[in-house]
Amino acid sequence: MTTTDTNLHTGAGKTAWDDGLVTEDAVEAGAARLLGILNDSSAALLASVGHQTGLFDVMAGLPAATSEQIADAAGLNERYVREWLGGMVTARFVEYRPARYPHAAGTYRLDPALVPSVSGPGVDNLARMLQYVTLMGEVAGRIAQKFRTGGGLGYGDYPDFMHIQASDSGSVHDASLVSAILPLAGCVDRLRAGIDVADIGCGAGHAVNLMAGAFPASRFTGYDFSEDAVLAGRAEARRLGLGNARFEILDAAALDVVEGFDLITVFDAVHDQARPAQVLHNIHQALRPDGTFLMVDIKASSNVADNVGLPWGTFLYAISTFHCMSVSLAQDGDGLGTVWGVQLAESMVRAAGFGTVEVKELDEDPFNAYFVARK
């Protein structure tokens, strides 16, 4: 959003809207911005392909190489790789040396400064998040129709979403769940001693299995309404030999447990619920009197104007429009959306009956806020 846009929303300063004048320079700047968006969005699609095909990982380990050498190393079709490389060169992701360079003629090299951001399994690899751009593109036409009819698209309309989200959250959980995230809840000693834990909206169950492996004396239950997700969690638990992790197919709005758990976690799953208030009430009811609720959700403001300076603010509203809000509305739900905001999130947790709610942050995860609530 430009400075002028900011002023329009906040009322600060004078803009072209105040006197009805739009200069030629402003028009040219607007057109240039749109061209920049066109190029950047195209680069996002190409970079998503680079992540999905492993091209970034391959190039991160190669010296300057020809398109044939890169394609061979990646096990991919050279013609497609060559065209992709052209896009990555013009997007300044990849450096190219044409024929006039005798010792590196016709070779490509991934910009070393970008290697940490586009390769490897860690949290610094932002290229995996660009898969959300391709996901949004796949449903853009159908979402545009929902602007006219209302309602939304169901989870089944996003066949790749579970995989993308599992990959995205898995990198954070592998790096920080046991060492940094769970300590925020103050339950590590109890987890070591043995308690009952539930993860609501567990997806493919990786977080449940990480916790079960780290705390063998405790018992973990993952709940998700998706059969595919639950099957994936069970399969991973069997592969890891975890006898203290189990998974159940259940809509969180139908959870009917009374004082059955000492710790309940929800990782980025409340805002797209059809009935989030009911889900939070169910969680409060399911906790024992000395239990703890750890909710992880998007770190943004409930006020649009406050999100203008958020570096990934536009992305959050986009993924909400194309997925999170839509899947809730498809169920005649509340449609909170991704950017329900920390203020509304905290107030809804309190309204569910929690007496103490602390909002915490982690340097390892700038995208999320961590809500620690107790009865």
Protein backbone atom coordinates (compact mmCIF):
# COMPACT_ATOMS: atom_id res chain seq x y z
CA MET A 1 0.00 0.00 0.00
CA THR A 2 1.40 3.43 -0.91
CA THR A 3 1.81 6.41 1.39
CA THR A 4 -1.15 8.04 -0.29
CA ASP A 5 -3.27 4.95 0.43
CA THR A 6 -2.20 5.08 4.05
CA ASN A 7 -3.24 8.72 4.35
CA LEU A 8 -6.64 7.96 2.84
CA HIS A 9 -7.29 5.29 5.45
CA THR A 10 -5.94 7.17 8.45
CA GLY A 11 -7.02 10.70 7.55
CA ALA A 12 -3.48 12.03 7.86
CA GLY A 13 -2.15 14.48 5.23
CA LYS A 14 -3.61 15.75 1.98
CA THR A 15 -4.07 13.54 -1.06
CA ALA A 16 -5.25 13.86 -4.64
CA TRP A 17 -8.68 12.80 -3.41
CA ASP A 18 -8.96 16.04 -1.43
CA ASP A 19 -8.90 18.31 -4.50
CA GLY A 20 -9.80 15.84 -7.24
CA LEU A 21 -6.48 16.26 -9.07
CA VAL A 22 -4.43 13.37 -10.41
CA THR A 23 -1.11 14.28 -12.00
CA GLU A 24 0.37 12.58 -15.04
CA ASP A 25 3.31 11.48 -12.92
CA ALA A 26 0.91 9.80 -10.50
CA VAL A 27 -0.80 7.95 -13.34
CA GLU A 28 2.54 6.75 -14.69
CA ALA A 29 3.61 5.66 -11.21
CA GLY A 30 0.36 3.72 -10.85
CA ALA A 31 0.91 1.92 -14.14
CA ALA A 32 4.51 1.15 -13.16
CA ARG A 33 3.31 -0.32 -9.90
CA LEU A 34 0.87 -2.60 -11.71
CA LEU A 35 3.63 -3.78 -14.05
CA GLY A 36 5.79 -4.47 -11.01
CA ILE A 37 2.99 -6.53 -9.46
CA LEU A 38 2.60 -8.44 -12.73
CA ASN A 39 6.28 -9.32 -12.78
CA ASP A 40 6.50 -10.09 -9.06
CA SER A 41 3.44 -12.34 -9.11
CA SER A 42 4.89 -14.17 -12.10
CA ALA A 43 8.16 -14.57 -10.22
CA ALA A 44 6.21 -16.00 -7.28
CA LEU A 45 4.70 -18.69 -9.50
CA LEU A 46 8.07 -19.58 -11.00
CA ALA A 47 9.70 -19.65 -7.57
CA SER A 48 6.94 -21.93 -6.30
CA VAL A 49 7.77 -24.34 -9.12
CA GLY A 50 11.44 -24.05 -8.19
CA HIS A 51 10.60 -25.21 -4.68
CA GLN A 52 8.19 -27.96 -5.71
CA THR A 53 10.57 -29.47 -8.27
CA GLY A 54 13.65 -29.21 -6.05
CA LEU A 55 15.42 -26.92 -8.52
CA PHE A 56 16.42 -24.44 -5.84
CA ASP A 57 17.91 -27.16 -3.65
CA VAL A 58 19.80 -28.59 -6.62
CA MET A 59 21.15 -25.23 -7.73
CA ALA A 60 22.15 -24.33 -4.17
CA GLY A 61 24.61 -27.23 -4.33
CA LEU A 62 25.91 -26.58 -7.85
CA PRO A 63 28.52 -24.20 -9.23
CA ALA A 64 27.64 -22.22 -12.36
CA ALA A 65 26.07 -24.79 -14.70
CA THR A 66 24.27 -25.09 -18.01
CA SER A 67 20.58 -25.76 -18.27
CA GLU A 68 21.39 -29.33 -19.33
CA GLN A 69 23.54 -29.90 -16.26
CA ILE A 70 20.92 -28.43 -13.94
CA ALA A 71 18.13 -30.48 -15.52
CA ASP A 72 20.20 -33.67 -15.29
CA ALA A 73 21.03 -33.03 -11.63
CA ALA A 74 17.37 -32.42 -10.84
CA GLY A 75 16.05 -35.24 -13.01
CA LEU A 76 13.84 -32.85 -14.96
CA ASN A 77 13.02 -31.97 -18.56
CA GLU A 78 15.69 -29.60 -19.90
CA ARG A 79 13.36 -27.50 -22.05
CA TYR A 80 11.14 -26.65 -19.11
CA VAL A 81 14.16 -26.01 -16.90
CA ARG A 82 15.66 -23.66 -19.49
CA GLU A 83 12.49 -21.59 -19.74
CA TRP A 84 12.15 -21.49 -15.95
CA LEU A 85 15.76 -20.32 -15.71
CA GLY A 86 14.98 -17.47 -18.09
CA GLY A 87 12.24 -16.29 -15.76
CA MET A 88 14.47 -16.62 -12.72
CA VAL A 89 17.23 -14.63 -14.46
CA THR A 90 14.88 -11.75 -15.27
CA ALA A 91 13.50 -11.91 -11.72
CA ARG A 92 17.09 -11.58 -10.40
CA PHE A 93 16.97 -14.93 -8.61
CA VAL A 94 19.56 -16.48 -10.90
CA GLU A 95 22.72 -15.04 -12.49
CA TYR A 96 23.41 -15.83 -16.15
CA ARG A 97 26.72 -15.77 -18.03
CA PRO A 98 26.25 -15.65 -21.83
CA ALA A 99 28.71 -16.72 -24.51
CA ARG A 100 31.03 -13.73 -24.11
CA TYR A 101 32.25 -15.22 -20.82
CA PRO A 102 34.65 -17.92 -22.12
CA HIS A 103 35.02 -19.82 -18.85
CA ALA A 104 31.33 -19.88 -17.95
CA ALA A 105 29.52 -19.51 -21.27
CA GLY A 106 25.78 -20.16 -21.11
CA THR A 107 25.77 -20.99 -17.41
CA TYR A 108 23.40 -20.20 -14.56
CA ARG A 109 24.05 -19.72 -10.86
CA LEU A 110 21.56 -19.24 -8.05
CA ASP A 111 22.21 -15.89 -6.35
CA PRO A 112 24.19 -16.86 -3.22
CA ALA A 113 22.35 -14.20 -1.20
CA LEU A 114 19.05 -15.95 -1.92
CA VAL A 115 20.19 -19.50 -1.10
CA PRO A 116 19.02 -19.43 2.57
CA SER A 117 15.61 -18.05 1.54
CA VAL A 118 14.81 -20.55 -1.22
CA SER A 119 16.49 -23.83 -0.25
CA GLY A 120 16.84 -26.29 2.60
CA PRO A 121 14.36 -27.71 5.11
CA GLY A 122 14.59 -24.94 7.72
CA VAL A 123 12.31 -22.06 8.65
CA ASP A 124 14.35 -19.59 6.59
CA ASN A 125 13.14 -21.19 3.34
CA LEU A 126 10.41 -18.79 2.30
CA ALA A 127 10.01 -20.36 -1.14
CA ARG A 128 7.72 -23.03 0.32
CA MET A 129 5.24 -20.29 1.26
CA LEU A 130 4.99 -19.29 -2.39
CA GLN A 131 3.07 -22.51 -2.95
CA TYR A 132 0.10 -20.67 -1.46
CA VAL A 133 0.22 -18.33 -4.46
CA THR A 134 -0.21 -21.23 -6.88
CA LEU A 135 -3.00 -22.60 -4.68
CA MET A 136 -4.84 -19.27 -4.80
CA GLY A 137 -4.41 -19.11 -8.55
CA GLU A 138 -6.07 -22.50 -8.95
CA VAL A 139 -9.29 -21.32 -7.29
CA ALA A 140 -9.30 -17.65 -8.30
CA GLY A 141 -12.12 -17.98 -10.83
CA ARG A 142 -14.40 -19.84 -8.44
CA ILE A 143 -13.67 -17.38 -5.61
CA ALA A 144 -14.53 -14.47 -7.92
CA GLN A 145 -17.93 -16.10 -8.47
CA LYS A 146 -18.47 -16.27 -4.69
CA PHE A 147 -18.23 -12.46 -4.60
CA ARG A 148 -21.53 -12.54 -6.52
CA THR A 149 -23.26 -15.49 -4.86
CA GLY A 150 -21.82 -15.53 -1.35
CA GLY A 151 -20.84 -18.77 0.38
CA GLY A 152 -17.44 -20.31 -0.13
CA LEU A 153 -15.41 -23.26 -1.32
CA GLY A 154 -15.14 -26.45 0.73
CA TYR A 155 -11.91 -28.02 1.94
CA GLY A 156 -12.26 -30.59 -0.83
CA ASP A 157 -11.73 -27.82 -3.39
CA TYR A 158 -8.16 -27.43 -2.13
CA PRO A 159 -6.60 -30.87 -2.64
CA ASP A 160 -3.03 -29.65 -2.09
CA PHE A 161 -3.70 -27.44 0.93
CA MET A 162 -3.03 -30.04 3.62
CA HIS A 163 0.33 -30.90 2.07
CA ILE A 164 1.36 -27.25 1.71
CA GLN A 165 0.28 -26.34 5.24
CA ALA A 166 1.96 -29.42 6.70
CA SER A 167 5.20 -28.50 4.96
CA ASP A 168 4.96 -24.89 6.12
CA SER A 169 4.10 -25.58 9.76
CA GLY A 170 6.35 -28.62 9.92
CA SER A 171 9.45 -26.52 9.38
CA VAL A 172 8.54 -24.32 12.35
CA HIS A 173 7.57 -27.25 14.57
CA ASP A 174 10.68 -29.27 13.75
CA ALA A 175 12.84 -26.32 14.75
CA SER A 176 10.92 -24.87 17.68
CA LEU A 177 7.92 -26.85 18.97
CA VAL A 178 9.65 -28.74 21.76
CA SER A 179 12.47 -26.30 22.46
CA ALA A 180 10.66 -22.95 22.31
CA ILE A 181 6.89 -23.16 21.71
CA LEU A 182 5.82 -25.60 24.42
CA PRO A 183 7.89 -23.85 27.11
CA LEU A 184 5.69 -20.78 26.55
CA ALA A 185 2.80 -22.77 28.01
CA GLY A 186 4.79 -23.57 31.16
CA CYS A 187 3.91 -27.27 30.93
CA VAL A 188 7.22 -28.92 30.11
CA ASP A 189 7.76 -30.46 33.56
CA ARG A 190 4.20 -31.79 33.57
CA LEU A 191 4.66 -33.18 30.05
CA ARG A 192 7.74 -35.04 31.21
CA ALA A 193 5.86 -36.44 34.21
CA GLY A 194 2.85 -37.48 32.15
CA ILE A 195 -0.36 -35.61 31.27
CA ASP A 196 -3.21 -35.84 28.75
CA VAL A 197 -2.86 -33.57 25.72
CA ALA A 198 -5.15 -32.81 22.77
CA ASP A 199 -4.30 -31.01 19.55
CA ILE A 200 -7.43 -29.60 17.88
CA GLY A 201 -7.38 -29.33 14.08
CA CYS A 202 -4.22 -31.40 14.03
CA GLY A 203 -3.98 -31.69 10.24
CA ALA A 204 -1.49 -34.36 9.23
CA GLY A 205 -0.57 -34.79 12.90
CA HIS A 206 3.13 -33.96 12.75
CA ALA A 207 2.97 -31.71 15.82
CA VAL A 208 1.19 -34.43 17.82
CA ASN A 209 3.85 -36.96 16.87
CA LEU A 210 6.70 -34.59 17.66
CA MET A 211 5.28 -34.02 21.13
CA ALA A 212 4.58 -37.71 21.67
CA GLY A 213 8.15 -38.57 20.75
CA ALA A 214 9.60 -35.91 23.03
CA PHE A 215 7.39 -36.73 26.03
CA PRO A 216 6.80 -40.51 26.15
CA ALA A 217 5.14 -40.37 29.59
CA SER A 218 2.30 -38.19 28.28
CA ARG A 219 -0.69 -39.21 26.16
CA PHE A 220 -1.59 -37.29 23.00
CA THR A 221 -4.80 -37.15 20.95
CA GLY A 222 -5.06 -35.38 17.61
CA TYR A 223 -8.50 -34.34 16.35
CA ASP A 224 -9.28 -33.35 12.77
CA PHE A 225 -12.40 -33.60 10.62
CA SER A 226 -10.35 -34.68 7.59
CA GLU A 227 -10.02 -38.45 7.20
CA ASP A 228 -6.95 -38.02 5.00
CA ALA A 229 -5.27 -35.91 7.66
CA VAL A 230 -6.03 -38.39 10.43
CA LEU A 231 -4.77 -41.30 8.33
CA ALA A 232 -1.54 -39.38 7.68
CA GLY A 233 -1.06 -38.77 11.41
CA ARG A 234 -1.67 -42.41 12.24
CA ALA A 235 0.74 -43.55 9.54
CA GLU A 236 3.51 -41.30 10.85
CA ALA A 237 2.89 -42.45 14.43
CA ARG A 238 3.20 -46.09 13.33
CA ARG A 239 6.35 -45.30 11.39
CA LEU A 240 7.87 -43.69 14.46
CA GLY A 241 6.68 -46.44 16.82
CA LEU A 242 4.67 -44.06 18.99
CA GLY A 243 2.28 -45.84 21.32
CA ASN A 244 1.21 -42.66 23.10
CA ALA A 245 -0.27 -40.84 20.08
CA ARG A 246 -3.73 -41.45 18.68
CA PHE A 247 -5.91 -39.64 16.17
CA GLU A 248 -9.66 -39.25 15.83
CA ILE A 249 -11.87 -37.91 13.02
CA LEU A 250 -13.88 -35.15 14.66
CA ASP A 251 -15.14 -31.66 13.89
CA ALA A 252 -13.87 -29.39 16.66
CA ALA A 253 -17.34 -27.86 17.00
CA ALA A 254 -18.59 -31.31 18.06
CA LEU A 255 -15.92 -31.96 20.69
CA ASP A 256 -17.80 -33.12 23.79
CA VAL A 257 -15.16 -33.87 26.41
CA VAL A 258 -15.51 -32.64 29.98
CA GLU A 259 -12.32 -32.04 31.95
CA GLY A 260 -10.43 -34.69 30.01
CA PHE A 261 -7.18 -32.89 29.17
CA ASP A 262 -4.41 -31.05 30.97
CA LEU A 263 -3.11 -29.26 27.87
CA ILE A 264 -4.90 -28.42 24.62
CA THR A 265 -3.09 -26.95 21.64
CA VAL A 266 -4.44 -25.40 18.44
CA PHE A 267 -1.98 -24.40 15.75
CA ASP A 268 -3.40 -21.88 13.24
CA ALA A 269 -6.76 -23.61 13.09
CA VAL A 270 -9.29 -21.47 14.97
CA HIS A 271 -9.73 -18.62 12.49
CA ASP A 272 -11.09 -20.82 9.69
CA GLN A 273 -13.58 -22.69 11.87
CA ALA A 274 -17.26 -22.36 10.99
CA ARG A 275 -18.15 -21.86 14.67
CA PRO A 276 -15.00 -20.55 16.36
CA ALA A 277 -16.78 -19.41 19.53
CA GLN A 278 -18.25 -22.89 19.97
CA VAL A 279 -14.84 -24.47 19.40
CA LEU A 280 -13.27 -22.25 22.05
CA HIS A 281 -16.11 -23.06 24.47
CA ASN A 282 -15.58 -26.78 23.84
CA ILE A 283 -11.87 -26.41 24.54
CA HIS A 284 -12.56 -24.62 27.82
CA GLN A 285 -14.96 -27.39 28.83
CA ALA A 286 -12.48 -30.11 27.86
CA LEU A 287 -9.71 -28.75 30.08
CA ARG A 288 -9.25 -29.83 33.66
CA PRO A 289 -9.36 -27.06 36.30
CA ASP A 290 -5.58 -26.65 36.29
CA GLY A 291 -5.31 -27.09 32.52
CA THR A 292 -3.66 -24.87 29.93
CA PHE A 293 -4.78 -23.82 26.47
CA LEU A 294 -2.08 -22.90 23.94
CA MET A 295 -3.50 -21.27 20.81
CA VAL A 296 -1.21 -20.25 17.97
CA ASP A 297 -2.70 -17.93 15.37
CA ILE A 298 -1.79 -15.17 12.95
CA LYS A 299 -0.03 -12.14 14.42
CA ALA A 300 -1.89 -9.20 12.94
CA SER A 301 -4.23 -6.47 14.10
CA SER A 302 -8.00 -6.61 14.10
CA ASN A 303 -7.86 -3.07 12.66
CA VAL A 304 -7.09 -2.80 8.93
CA ALA A 305 -5.22 0.50 9.26
CA ASP A 306 -2.78 -1.07 11.71
CA ASN A 307 -1.86 -3.76 9.17
CA VAL A 308 -0.70 -1.31 6.50
CA GLY A 309 2.90 -1.60 7.69
CA LEU A 310 2.81 -5.38 8.14
CA PRO A 311 5.31 -6.73 5.57
CA TRP A 312 3.08 -9.70 4.68
CA GLY A 313 -0.26 -7.99 5.29
CA THR A 314 -1.50 -8.25 1.69
CA PHE A 315 -0.70 -11.95 1.62
CA LEU A 316 -2.73 -12.51 4.80
CA TYR A 317 -5.82 -10.84 3.35
CA ALA A 318 -5.34 -12.74 0.09
CA ILE A 319 -5.05 -16.20 1.67
CA SER A 320 -8.06 -15.33 3.81
CA THR A 321 -10.13 -14.38 0.76
CA PHE A 322 -9.06 -17.39 -1.24
CA HIS A 323 -9.10 -20.01 1.53
CA CYS A 324 -9.55 -19.39 5.25
CA MET A 325 -12.61 -17.15 5.17
CA SER A 326 -14.04 -19.06 2.23
CA VAL A 327 -13.97 -22.52 3.83
CA SER A 328 -15.78 -21.14 6.86
CA LEU A 329 -18.45 -19.42 4.76
CA ALA A 330 -18.90 -22.65 2.77
CA GLN A 331 -20.27 -24.17 5.99
CA ASP A 332 -22.52 -21.14 6.66
CA GLY A 333 -19.93 -20.22 9.25
CA ASP A 334 -18.80 -16.96 10.81
CA GLY A 335 -16.05 -16.34 8.24
CA LEU A 336 -13.62 -14.80 10.72
CA GLY A 337 -10.80 -14.90 8.19
CA THR A 338 -7.06 -15.11 8.59
CA VAL A 339 -6.76 -11.53 9.79
CA TRP A 340 -9.24 -11.70 12.65
CA GLY A 341 -6.44 -10.13 14.64
CA VAL A 342 -4.84 -10.47 18.04
CA GLN A 343 -7.38 -8.18 19.73
CA LEU A 344 -10.43 -10.14 18.62
CA ALA A 345 -8.69 -13.46 19.21
CA GLU A 346 -7.86 -12.55 22.81
CA SER A 347 -11.37 -11.28 23.50
CA MET A 348 -12.93 -14.47 22.11
CA VAL A 349 -10.67 -16.67 24.23
CA ARG A 350 -11.70 -14.68 27.31
CA ALA A 351 -15.37 -14.89 26.30
CA ALA A 352 -15.04 -18.68 26.20
CA GLY A 353 -14.44 -18.60 29.96
CA PHE A 354 -10.69 -18.33 30.37
CA GLY A 355 -9.71 -16.12 33.28
CA THR A 356 -6.09 -15.57 32.30
CA VAL A 357 -4.90 -14.95 28.74
CA GLU A 358 -1.32 -14.00 27.89
CA VAL A 359 -0.25 -13.09 24.35
CA LYS A 360 3.36 -13.98 23.63
CA GLU A 361 5.73 -13.85 20.66
CA LEU A 362 8.64 -15.93 19.38
CA ASP A 363 11.57 -14.62 17.37
CA GLU A 364 11.60 -17.96 15.54
CA ASP A 365 8.08 -17.40 14.24
CA PRO A 366 7.30 -13.78 13.28
CA PHE A 367 4.04 -14.75 11.57
CA ASN A 368 2.20 -15.98 14.67
CA ALA A 369 1.07 -14.85 18.09
CA TYR A 370 0.99 -17.34 20.98
CA PHE A 371 -1.98 -17.22 23.35
CA VAL A 372 -1.54 -18.99 26.69
CA ALA A 373 -4.85 -19.27 28.52
CA ARG A 374 -5.87 -20.81 31.82
CA LYS A 375 -9.19 -21.25 33.58
